[in-house]
Amino acid sequence: MAVFTIATCGLVYELVAGTLASYLLGDSVKQFSFIIGVYLFSMGIGSYFSKFIRKDLLNTFVEIEILVGLIGGLSSVILFLLFESVDYFQFILYLLVFVTGCLVGLEIPLLMNILKDKVAFRDLVSNVFTFDYIGALLASILFPLVLVPQLGVMRTSLFFGMINVSIAIVLCFVLKNELKRPYLLKAKAIGSFVFLLLVFLFSEAILSFSEGKLYGENIVYTSSTPYQRIVLTHNKSDYKLYLNNNLQFSSADEYRYHEALVHPVMAAAKKVENVLVLGGGDGLAVREILKYKEVKNITLVDLDEGMTKLFKTNKILTGFNQHSLTDAKVKVFNQDAYIWTKNCKEKFDVAIIDFPDPSNYSLGKLYSLNFYKSLHDILSKDALVVVQTTSPYFAPKSFWCINKTVKEIFPQVDAYHTYVPSFGEWGYTIAANSFATSFDKVNRKVNGLRFYNYQFHKLNYFSKDMIANSVEINRLDNQILVRYFDEEWGKL
């Protein structure tokens, strides 16, 4: 049982570190890769040094359980509190991962040495590693499906820290006759458990304090889904939504972004009866689409059910999207857009692509040549497409890489941009399934827009500092776009 619990706790600490690194630093693939590498390496270091521990094995094992519980359990608290306060955050992150990994690496060899005279070697090895791998499997399943959605990252690490310390407490009582100084060990273990429990009980206040420092505004809503951390802040009359620490929109100027995203393509399209929105789980693009009476059906595909549910039910947020996601014309699918598009059998008149920026490889695939091929297959012959294409000023290589990739699939492609105060200069790629389409043509318009005036050509000029010529196509097997994006935005 101890082996099973140790393996579960150990993997949870690794997953917590990887999740926090991707939340706070971005690029989930790179962060998880580095965390796993450092963690496994440090476990090897711990296993190596276990051979030098020859005395008081049981006492040492109990002490290590207490240390693992404290360091692993408190790791998320430490990282959240220090993120905005220190310049060497990544050093602290990897130091915590390394220390935790070393301690976890000590556990199994010590336990095997303790049991070697009580269990046959063949049975000992097979049983230890069987329960070790089963525990790891359980942790990997529970972490995204149950632990993060129900407890959040911080309370998950604290909870498993208490489990680790609980093993030490049980051993202190069950094996008190075999331990040296059992009362001192009991006091350490129980004191550590009580401390972790108190931090667990006040974890929401700690998280609110750390996020208040991070965002610098009043936090009015927070939620963790299997895919992201959602934070809504309020400052005077402005609400801001952050996903994994990245600004998604500001209520003060989101209308500029969404009007520029939706209305040029809706105005130029020959038909707008059947509209597809990929991403855009906030419902703000759907709000703009619903202004056109010709629209009969809107299909929205967004991976995160937690996101779309929030924007269907939260009173503040439904005020922004004008209850667009509960409109009778709207169907919402919470699926991976890459897979959904491949399996879709419908045809659409307009496709509006509002994915997050390609900051990691799981998002980069949604800007790939393969994806645009699948998208092309579900569009009518005169259909139009628009893609949010990041900033042509801050990330010109990324912008023109997306544009060039779209040009490989669609016969007519153009680009445009607008200024959004919260983001700076922001760009879009517009494409048509037919050469006969004019992006300047206005086949329909709606009144009451605050920004867009149906003069597409005014958004179509790019100055020299927004041009990048030598860019590659973003293919699924090279993901060059993610490298461009990381290189350009990393400078900021």
Protein backbone atom coordinates (compact mmCIF):
# COMPACT_ATOMS: atom_id res chain seq x y z
CA MET A 1 0.00 0.00 0.00
CA ALA A 2 2.88 2.36 0.84
CA VAL A 3 4.45 1.81 -2.59
CA PHE A 4 1.13 2.48 -4.34
CA THR A 5 0.64 5.73 -2.38
CA ILE A 6 4.25 6.85 -2.87
CA ALA A 7 4.02 6.38 -6.65
CA THR A 8 0.71 8.24 -6.85
CA CYS A 9 1.99 11.18 -4.80
CA GLY A 10 5.28 11.34 -6.66
CA LEU A 11 3.68 11.57 -10.08
CA VAL A 12 1.15 14.14 -8.84
CA TYR A 13 3.99 16.46 -7.74
CA GLU A 14 5.52 16.10 -11.21
CA LEU A 15 2.19 16.90 -12.90
CA VAL A 16 1.61 19.87 -10.58
CA ALA A 17 5.02 21.33 -11.48
CA GLY A 18 4.42 20.82 -15.21
CA THR A 19 0.95 22.34 -15.05
CA LEU A 20 2.10 25.37 -13.07
CA ALA A 21 5.03 25.90 -15.42
CA SER A 22 2.72 25.86 -18.44
CA TYR A 23 0.17 28.14 -16.66
CA LEU A 24 2.75 30.72 -15.64
CA LEU A 25 5.44 30.43 -18.32
CA GLY A 26 3.47 29.21 -21.36
CA ASP A 27 4.49 26.61 -23.98
CA SER A 28 3.08 23.55 -22.24
CA VAL A 29 4.99 21.06 -24.40
CA LYS A 30 8.40 22.55 -23.59
CA GLN A 31 7.62 23.04 -19.92
CA PHE A 32 6.28 19.52 -19.41
CA SER A 33 9.23 18.09 -21.33
CA PHE A 34 11.76 19.94 -19.16
CA ILE A 35 9.91 19.12 -15.93
CA ILE A 36 9.70 15.40 -16.76
CA GLY A 37 13.37 15.30 -17.74
CA VAL A 38 14.58 17.06 -14.59
CA TYR A 39 12.25 15.00 -12.38
CA LEU A 40 13.37 11.65 -13.80
CA PHE A 41 17.03 12.71 -13.64
CA SER A 42 16.69 13.75 -10.00
CA MET A 43 14.93 10.47 -9.16
CA GLY A 44 17.97 8.70 -10.58
CA ILE A 45 20.24 10.84 -8.39
CA GLY A 46 18.13 9.99 -5.35
CA SER A 47 18.22 6.29 -6.18
CA TYR A 48 22.00 6.40 -6.57
CA PHE A 49 22.60 8.04 -3.19
CA SER A 50 20.22 5.64 -1.45
CA LYS A 51 23.02 3.04 -1.43
CA PHE A 52 24.99 5.18 1.02
CA ILE A 53 22.20 5.05 3.61
CA ARG A 54 22.92 1.92 5.64
CA LYS A 55 21.81 2.73 9.17
CA ASP A 56 18.40 3.54 10.66
CA LEU A 57 16.68 2.75 7.37
CA LEU A 58 13.17 2.85 8.81
CA ASN A 59 13.71 6.15 10.60
CA THR A 60 15.23 7.63 7.45
CA PHE A 61 12.29 6.42 5.38
CA VAL A 62 9.80 8.10 7.74
CA GLU A 63 11.83 11.33 7.69
CA ILE A 64 11.86 11.27 3.89
CA GLU A 65 8.09 10.78 3.77
CA ILE A 66 7.66 13.87 5.92
CA LEU A 67 10.05 15.90 3.73
CA VAL A 68 8.42 14.76 0.48
CA GLY A 69 5.01 15.68 1.87
CA LEU A 70 6.17 19.13 2.96
CA ILE A 71 8.25 20.07 -0.09
CA GLY A 72 5.97 18.47 -2.70
CA GLY A 73 2.81 19.65 -0.97
CA LEU A 74 3.98 23.24 -0.54
CA SER A 75 5.64 23.50 -3.97
CA SER A 76 2.58 24.99 -5.69
CA VAL A 77 2.07 27.52 -2.88
CA ILE A 78 5.71 28.63 -3.07
CA LEU A 79 5.61 28.93 -6.86
CA PHE A 80 2.37 30.92 -6.94
CA LEU A 81 3.61 33.33 -4.25
CA LEU A 82 7.04 33.88 -5.84
CA PHE A 83 6.09 34.16 -9.52
CA GLU A 84 5.69 37.95 -9.48
CA SER A 85 8.26 38.59 -6.74
CA VAL A 86 11.54 37.12 -8.01
CA ASP A 87 13.57 37.36 -11.20
CA TYR A 88 14.90 33.80 -10.91
CA PHE A 89 11.52 32.03 -10.82
CA GLN A 90 12.57 29.24 -13.19
CA PHE A 91 15.57 28.43 -11.00
CA ILE A 92 13.26 28.02 -7.99
CA LEU A 93 10.82 25.93 -10.07
CA TYR A 94 13.48 23.48 -11.22
CA LEU A 95 15.16 23.43 -7.79
CA LEU A 96 11.88 22.33 -6.20
CA VAL A 97 11.39 19.72 -8.92
CA PHE A 98 14.95 18.47 -8.43
CA VAL A 99 14.71 18.23 -4.62
CA THR A 100 11.31 16.52 -4.76
CA GLY A 101 12.57 14.09 -7.41
CA CYS A 102 15.65 13.23 -5.35
CA LEU A 103 13.53 12.49 -2.28
CA VAL A 104 11.07 10.40 -4.30
CA GLY A 105 14.02 8.55 -5.85
CA LEU A 106 15.20 7.59 -2.36
CA GLU A 107 11.85 6.12 -1.30
CA ILE A 108 11.64 2.88 -3.32
CA PRO A 109 15.27 1.70 -2.81
CA LEU A 110 14.99 2.38 0.94
CA LEU A 111 11.68 0.55 1.16
CA MET A 112 13.14 -2.44 -0.71
CA ASN A 113 16.13 -2.52 1.64
CA ILE A 114 13.78 -2.43 4.64
CA LEU A 115 11.72 -5.33 3.30
CA LYS A 116 14.49 -7.46 1.80
CA ASP A 117 14.77 -9.72 4.86
CA LYS A 118 11.01 -10.10 5.21
CA VAL A 119 9.93 -10.82 1.60
CA ALA A 120 11.50 -13.09 -1.03
CA PHE A 121 13.55 -10.97 -3.45
CA ARG A 122 11.61 -12.07 -6.55
CA ASP A 123 8.26 -11.26 -4.91
CA LEU A 124 9.62 -8.04 -3.44
CA VAL A 125 10.78 -6.61 -6.78
CA SER A 126 7.66 -7.65 -8.72
CA ASN A 127 5.26 -6.39 -6.04
CA VAL A 128 7.04 -3.09 -5.52
CA PHE A 129 7.20 -2.22 -9.20
CA THR A 130 3.65 -3.47 -9.90
CA PHE A 131 2.17 -1.16 -7.27
CA ASP A 132 4.52 1.63 -8.33
CA TYR A 133 3.27 1.56 -11.93
CA ILE A 134 -0.39 1.15 -10.90
CA GLY A 135 -0.09 4.19 -8.64
CA ALA A 136 1.46 6.21 -11.44
CA LEU A 137 -1.39 5.24 -13.79
CA LEU A 138 -4.02 6.22 -11.23
CA ALA A 139 -2.39 9.62 -10.69
CA SER A 140 -2.15 10.33 -14.43
CA ILE A 141 -5.88 9.58 -14.85
CA LEU A 142 -7.17 11.36 -11.76
CA PHE A 143 -5.07 14.52 -12.20
CA PRO A 144 -6.78 15.99 -15.31
CA LEU A 145 -10.22 14.42 -14.83
CA VAL A 146 -10.86 14.87 -11.11
CA LEU A 147 -8.13 16.59 -9.13
CA VAL A 148 -7.54 19.81 -11.08
CA PRO A 149 -11.24 20.46 -11.87
CA GLN A 150 -12.36 19.73 -8.28
CA LEU A 151 -9.45 20.88 -6.13
CA GLY A 152 -7.32 23.07 -8.36
CA VAL A 153 -3.56 22.78 -8.70
CA MET A 154 -2.62 24.28 -5.33
CA ARG A 155 -4.96 22.20 -3.19
CA THR A 156 -4.10 19.06 -5.17
CA SER A 157 -0.42 19.30 -4.21
CA LEU A 158 -1.32 20.10 -0.58
CA PHE A 159 -3.75 17.18 -0.44
CA PHE A 160 -1.15 14.72 -1.66
CA GLY A 161 1.42 16.25 0.66
CA MET A 162 -0.90 15.34 3.54
CA ILE A 163 -1.21 11.80 2.14
CA ASN A 164 2.59 11.45 2.11
CA VAL A 165 2.83 12.68 5.70
CA SER A 166 -0.05 10.37 6.67
CA ILE A 167 2.11 7.39 5.64
CA ALA A 168 4.77 8.62 8.06
CA ILE A 169 2.18 8.99 10.84
CA VAL A 170 0.83 5.47 10.29
CA LEU A 171 4.35 4.01 10.32
CA CYS A 172 5.14 5.87 13.57
CA PHE A 173 2.20 4.17 15.29
CA VAL A 174 2.32 0.74 13.65
CA LEU A 175 6.11 0.28 13.87
CA LYS A 176 6.83 2.27 17.03
CA ASN A 177 8.80 -0.61 18.55
CA GLU A 178 11.15 -0.76 15.54
CA LEU A 179 11.76 2.98 15.34
CA LYS A 180 14.35 5.01 17.20
CA ARG A 181 12.94 8.13 18.87
CA PRO A 182 9.34 7.30 17.78
CA TYR A 183 7.82 10.15 19.82
CA LEU A 184 9.99 12.74 18.11
CA LEU A 185 9.07 11.33 14.70
CA LYS A 186 5.37 11.34 15.65
CA ALA A 187 5.62 14.99 16.68
CA LYS A 188 7.33 15.90 13.38
CA ALA A 189 4.82 13.98 11.29
CA ILE A 190 1.72 15.22 13.09
CA GLY A 191 3.05 18.79 13.15
CA SER A 192 3.73 18.64 9.40
CA PHE A 193 0.26 17.26 8.72
CA VAL A 194 -1.41 20.00 10.78
CA PHE A 195 0.65 22.66 8.99
CA LEU A 196 -0.29 21.31 5.55
CA LEU A 197 -3.93 21.07 6.61
CA LEU A 198 -3.96 24.72 7.74
CA VAL A 199 -2.41 25.83 4.45
CA PHE A 200 -4.97 23.67 2.60
CA LEU A 201 -7.85 25.34 4.50
CA PHE A 202 -6.51 28.81 3.68
CA SER A 203 -5.41 27.92 0.13
CA GLU A 204 -8.16 29.98 -1.53
CA ALA A 205 -7.03 33.08 0.35
CA ILE A 206 -3.40 32.37 -0.58
CA LEU A 207 -4.34 31.85 -4.23
CA SER A 208 -6.40 35.05 -4.26
CA PHE A 209 -3.48 36.97 -2.75
CA SER A 210 -0.96 35.58 -5.27
CA GLU A 211 -3.27 36.15 -8.25
CA GLY A 212 -4.03 39.65 -6.97
CA LYS A 213 -0.29 40.40 -7.12
CA LEU A 214 -0.04 38.76 -10.53
CA TYR A 215 -2.92 40.62 -12.19
CA GLY A 216 -2.84 43.84 -10.17
CA GLU A 217 -6.65 44.09 -10.22
CA ASN A 218 -9.65 42.90 -8.23
CA ILE A 219 -10.34 39.25 -9.01
CA VAL A 220 -14.06 38.57 -9.26
CA TYR A 221 -14.03 35.00 -10.56
CA THR A 222 -11.57 32.10 -10.81
CA SER A 223 -11.97 28.56 -12.07
CA SER A 224 -9.74 25.67 -13.10
CA THR A 225 -10.84 23.39 -15.93
CA PRO A 226 -8.99 20.33 -17.26
CA TYR A 227 -7.50 22.64 -19.92
CA GLN A 228 -6.84 26.01 -18.35
CA ARG A 229 -7.02 28.40 -15.42
CA ILE A 230 -9.73 31.04 -15.93
CA VAL A 231 -9.47 34.37 -14.09
CA LEU A 232 -11.84 37.34 -14.43
CA THR A 233 -10.65 40.68 -13.03
CA HIS A 234 -12.39 44.02 -12.54
CA ASN A 235 -10.92 47.51 -12.45
CA LYS A 236 -13.35 50.45 -12.47
CA SER A 237 -15.56 49.79 -15.52
CA ASP A 238 -13.18 47.34 -17.19
CA TYR A 239 -13.39 43.55 -16.90
CA LYS A 240 -10.50 41.39 -18.16
CA LEU A 241 -10.48 37.67 -18.79
CA TYR A 242 -7.22 35.72 -18.48
CA LEU A 243 -6.65 32.14 -19.62
CA ASN A 244 -3.52 30.54 -18.17
CA ASN A 245 -2.21 33.99 -17.30
CA ASN A 246 -2.73 35.29 -20.88
CA LEU A 247 -5.15 38.13 -21.52
CA GLN A 248 -8.11 36.87 -23.56
CA PHE A 249 -10.08 40.11 -23.77
CA SER A 250 -10.77 43.42 -22.07
CA SER A 251 -14.38 44.60 -21.95
CA ALA A 252 -13.15 48.14 -22.68
CA ASP A 253 -12.03 47.36 -26.24
CA GLU A 254 -12.94 43.77 -27.18
CA TYR A 255 -15.53 45.18 -29.59
CA ARG A 256 -12.72 46.44 -31.85
CA TYR A 257 -11.19 42.96 -32.07
CA HIS A 258 -14.46 41.10 -32.60
CA GLU A 259 -15.98 43.58 -35.06
CA ALA A 260 -12.80 43.41 -37.15
CA LEU A 261 -12.81 39.61 -36.92
CA VAL A 262 -16.45 39.06 -37.91
CA HIS A 263 -17.84 41.86 -40.06
CA PRO A 264 -15.42 41.98 -43.02
CA VAL A 265 -16.00 38.30 -43.79
CA MET A 266 -19.75 38.46 -43.11
CA ALA A 267 -20.11 41.49 -45.37
CA ALA A 268 -18.17 39.97 -48.30
CA ALA A 269 -19.65 36.46 -48.20
CA LYS A 270 -22.26 35.51 -50.80
CA LYS A 271 -24.28 33.56 -48.22
CA VAL A 272 -24.21 33.58 -44.43
CA GLU A 273 -26.95 31.09 -43.58
CA ASN A 274 -24.66 28.47 -42.06
CA VAL A 275 -21.71 29.85 -40.04
CA LEU A 276 -18.93 27.93 -38.31
CA VAL A 277 -16.97 29.35 -35.37
CA LEU A 278 -13.89 27.45 -34.21
CA GLY A 279 -12.61 28.58 -30.82
CA GLY A 280 -14.34 31.69 -29.48
CA GLY A 281 -15.83 29.94 -26.45
CA ASP A 282 -16.55 33.34 -24.90
CA GLY A 283 -19.42 33.84 -27.39
CA LEU A 284 -18.28 37.35 -28.36
CA ALA A 285 -17.76 36.50 -32.03
CA VAL A 286 -21.13 34.71 -32.02
CA ARG A 287 -22.70 37.90 -30.63
CA GLU A 288 -21.51 39.80 -33.70
CA ILE A 289 -22.67 37.07 -36.12
CA LEU A 290 -26.18 37.09 -34.65
CA LYS A 291 -26.59 40.71 -35.74
CA TYR A 292 -27.19 39.42 -39.29
CA LYS A 293 -30.79 38.30 -39.79
CA GLU A 294 -29.83 36.05 -42.72
CA VAL A 295 -27.94 33.74 -40.36
CA LYS A 296 -29.92 30.54 -39.69
CA ASN A 297 -27.40 28.30 -37.93
CA ILE A 298 -24.19 28.90 -36.01
CA THR A 299 -21.97 25.98 -35.02
CA LEU A 300 -19.39 26.75 -32.36
CA VAL A 301 -16.61 24.26 -31.58
CA ASP A 302 -14.56 24.93 -28.46
CA LEU A 303 -12.55 22.32 -26.58
CA ASP A 304 -13.24 23.56 -23.05
CA GLU A 305 -16.73 22.85 -21.74
CA GLY A 306 -15.87 24.81 -18.60
CA MET A 307 -15.31 27.90 -20.73
CA THR A 308 -18.55 27.68 -22.71
CA LYS A 309 -20.60 26.86 -19.59
CA LEU A 310 -19.14 29.89 -17.84
CA PHE A 311 -20.12 32.17 -20.73
CA LYS A 312 -23.61 30.69 -20.77
CA THR A 313 -24.29 31.20 -17.06
CA ASN A 314 -22.17 33.95 -15.49
CA LYS A 315 -24.23 37.14 -15.27
CA ILE A 316 -21.30 39.45 -15.93
CA LEU A 317 -20.08 37.49 -18.94
CA THR A 318 -23.51 36.89 -20.48
CA GLY A 319 -23.89 40.66 -20.35
CA PHE A 320 -20.85 40.95 -22.61
CA ASN A 321 -21.90 38.29 -25.14
CA GLN A 322 -25.61 39.19 -24.86
CA HIS A 323 -26.54 35.56 -24.08
CA SER A 324 -25.30 34.54 -27.53
CA LEU A 325 -24.38 30.97 -26.55
CA THR A 326 -27.94 30.17 -25.45
CA ASP A 327 -29.51 31.54 -28.64
CA ALA A 328 -31.69 29.02 -30.50
CA LYS A 329 -29.56 29.39 -33.64
CA VAL A 330 -26.38 28.30 -31.84
CA LYS A 331 -25.10 24.74 -31.41
CA VAL A 332 -22.06 24.25 -29.17
CA PHE A 333 -19.69 21.28 -29.47
CA ASN A 334 -17.01 20.83 -26.81
CA GLN A 335 -14.51 18.89 -28.89
CA ASP A 336 -11.02 19.20 -30.31
CA ALA A 337 -11.53 21.37 -33.41
CA TYR A 338 -8.82 19.50 -35.31
CA ILE A 339 -10.63 16.17 -34.94
CA TRP A 340 -14.12 17.66 -35.22
CA THR A 341 -13.27 19.31 -38.55
CA LYS A 342 -11.93 16.04 -39.99
CA ASN A 343 -15.15 14.21 -39.06
CA CYS A 344 -17.65 16.92 -39.99
CA LYS A 345 -20.06 16.20 -42.88
CA GLU A 346 -21.78 19.61 -43.07
CA LYS A 347 -20.98 22.50 -45.40
CA PHE A 348 -20.58 26.07 -44.18
CA ASP A 349 -20.90 29.44 -45.88
CA VAL A 350 -18.55 31.26 -43.50
CA ALA A 351 -15.87 30.00 -41.10
CA ILE A 352 -14.54 32.26 -38.33
CA ILE A 353 -11.40 30.93 -36.63
CA ASP A 354 -10.77 32.44 -33.21
CA PHE A 355 -8.20 30.12 -31.65
CA PRO A 356 -5.70 31.22 -28.99
CA ASP A 357 -2.27 32.20 -30.29
CA PRO A 358 0.01 29.30 -31.37
CA SER A 359 2.09 29.33 -28.19
CA ASN A 360 2.51 25.54 -28.06
CA TYR A 361 2.34 22.53 -30.37
CA SER A 362 -1.20 21.50 -29.42
CA LEU A 363 -2.37 24.93 -30.60
CA GLY A 364 0.08 25.09 -33.49
CA LYS A 365 -1.62 22.12 -35.17
CA LEU A 366 -4.75 24.30 -35.50
CA TYR A 367 -2.78 26.64 -37.78
CA SER A 368 -1.22 23.86 -39.84
CA LEU A 369 -1.56 22.95 -43.52
CA ASN A 370 -3.35 19.71 -42.56
CA PHE A 371 -5.95 21.60 -40.57
CA TYR A 372 -6.69 24.08 -43.35
CA LYS A 373 -7.09 21.16 -45.77
CA SER A 374 -9.75 19.65 -43.51
CA LEU A 375 -11.41 23.04 -43.13
CA HIS A 376 -11.48 23.53 -46.91
CA ASP A 377 -13.39 20.26 -47.31
CA ILE A 378 -16.33 21.39 -45.15
CA LEU A 379 -16.84 24.76 -46.85
CA SER A 380 -19.22 25.55 -49.69
CA LYS A 381 -17.70 26.53 -53.04
CA ASP A 382 -18.18 30.28 -52.43
CA ALA A 383 -17.37 30.22 -48.71
CA LEU A 384 -15.17 32.74 -46.90
CA VAL A 385 -12.82 32.17 -43.97
CA VAL A 386 -11.19 34.51 -41.47
CA VAL A 387 -8.42 33.55 -39.05
CA GLN A 388 -7.10 35.58 -36.13
CA THR A 389 -3.41 35.70 -36.98
CA THR A 390 -1.64 37.27 -33.93
CA SER A 391 0.15 40.63 -34.17
CA PRO A 392 1.87 41.67 -37.41
CA TYR A 393 3.87 44.23 -35.42
CA PHE A 394 5.13 42.14 -32.49
CA ALA A 395 5.24 38.83 -34.37
CA PRO A 396 5.51 39.46 -38.14
CA LYS A 397 7.04 36.05 -38.90
CA SER A 398 4.21 34.29 -37.10
CA PHE A 399 1.61 36.46 -38.84
CA TRP A 400 2.91 35.92 -42.37
CA CYS A 401 3.61 32.23 -41.71
CA ILE A 402 -0.10 31.70 -41.02
CA ASN A 403 -1.02 33.77 -44.05
CA LYS A 404 1.34 31.79 -46.29
CA THR A 405 -0.01 28.48 -44.96
CA VAL A 406 -3.59 29.51 -45.71
CA LYS A 407 -2.51 30.52 -49.25
CA GLU A 408 -1.44 26.93 -49.92
CA ILE A 409 -5.07 25.80 -49.59
CA PHE A 410 -7.34 28.67 -50.58
CA PRO A 411 -7.21 30.34 -54.03
CA GLN A 412 -7.70 33.89 -52.79
CA VAL A 413 -6.12 35.17 -49.56
CA ASP A 414 -5.54 38.61 -48.09
CA ALA A 415 -4.52 40.10 -44.75
CA TYR A 416 -5.60 43.05 -42.63
CA HIS A 417 -5.05 44.46 -39.16
CA THR A 418 -6.43 46.88 -36.61
CA TYR A 419 -5.40 48.50 -33.36
CA VAL A 420 -6.78 47.04 -30.12
CA PRO A 421 -5.47 49.05 -27.13
CA SER A 422 -5.21 46.03 -24.81
CA PHE A 423 -3.17 44.04 -27.33
CA GLY A 424 -1.62 46.58 -29.69
CA GLU A 425 -1.70 46.08 -33.47
CA TRP A 426 -3.60 42.87 -34.22
CA GLY A 427 -3.99 40.98 -37.46
CA TYR A 428 -6.23 38.64 -39.43
CA THR A 429 -6.06 36.51 -42.56
CA ILE A 430 -9.14 36.38 -44.79
CA ALA A 431 -9.56 33.74 -47.50
CA ALA A 432 -12.09 32.73 -50.15
CA ASN A 433 -12.86 29.42 -51.78
CA SER A 434 -13.32 31.22 -55.09
CA PHE A 435 -11.33 33.73 -57.18
CA ALA A 436 -14.59 35.51 -57.93
CA THR A 437 -14.88 36.93 -54.40
CA SER A 438 -14.00 40.54 -53.60
CA PHE A 439 -13.15 41.23 -49.95
CA ASP A 440 -14.01 44.91 -50.49
CA LYS A 441 -17.54 44.12 -51.60
CA VAL A 442 -20.32 44.74 -49.08
CA ASN A 443 -23.18 42.33 -49.71
CA ARG A 444 -24.82 43.11 -46.37
CA LYS A 445 -24.26 45.31 -43.35
CA VAL A 446 -25.71 45.95 -39.92
CA ASN A 447 -26.13 49.22 -38.07
CA GLY A 448 -24.86 50.13 -34.65
CA LEU A 449 -21.27 48.96 -34.92
CA ARG A 450 -18.88 50.90 -32.70
CA PHE A 451 -15.72 50.45 -34.78
CA TYR A 452 -15.94 48.78 -38.20
CA ASN A 453 -17.33 50.94 -41.02
CA TYR A 454 -17.29 48.34 -43.86
CA GLN A 455 -14.28 49.94 -45.54
CA PHE A 456 -12.04 46.90 -45.73
CA HIS A 457 -9.28 48.62 -47.70
CA LYS A 458 -8.53 50.91 -44.74
CA LEU A 459 -7.39 47.89 -42.71
CA ASN A 460 -5.42 46.36 -45.55
CA TYR A 461 -2.23 48.47 -45.56
CA PHE A 462 0.93 47.14 -43.85
CA SER A 463 3.95 49.32 -43.07
CA LYS A 464 7.50 48.03 -43.55
CA ASP A 465 7.94 47.08 -39.88
CA MET A 466 5.01 44.66 -40.16
CA ILE A 467 6.35 42.69 -43.13
CA ALA A 468 8.27 39.40 -43.03
CA ASN A 469 9.03 37.74 -46.36
CA SER A 470 11.24 34.74 -45.60
CA VAL A 471 8.85 32.47 -43.74
CA GLU A 472 8.00 28.79 -44.10
CA ILE A 473 4.67 27.02 -44.30
CA ASN A 474 3.45 25.64 -40.99
CA ARG A 475 3.26 21.88 -41.50
CA LEU A 476 2.12 19.42 -38.88
CA ASP A 477 5.46 17.65 -38.83
CA ASN A 478 7.63 20.73 -38.34
CA GLN A 479 5.44 23.23 -36.41
CA ILE A 480 7.68 26.09 -37.53
CA LEU A 481 4.98 28.55 -36.47
CA VAL A 482 5.39 27.67 -32.79
CA ARG A 483 9.12 28.35 -33.06
CA TYR A 484 8.49 31.70 -34.77
CA PHE A 485 5.94 32.62 -32.11
CA ASP A 486 8.18 31.64 -29.20
CA GLU A 487 11.12 33.53 -30.71
CA GLU A 488 9.16 36.73 -31.36
CA TRP A 489 6.98 36.94 -28.27
CA GLY A 490 9.80 35.64 -26.06
CA LYS A 491 11.67 38.90 -26.68
CA LEU A 492 8.82 40.76 -24.98
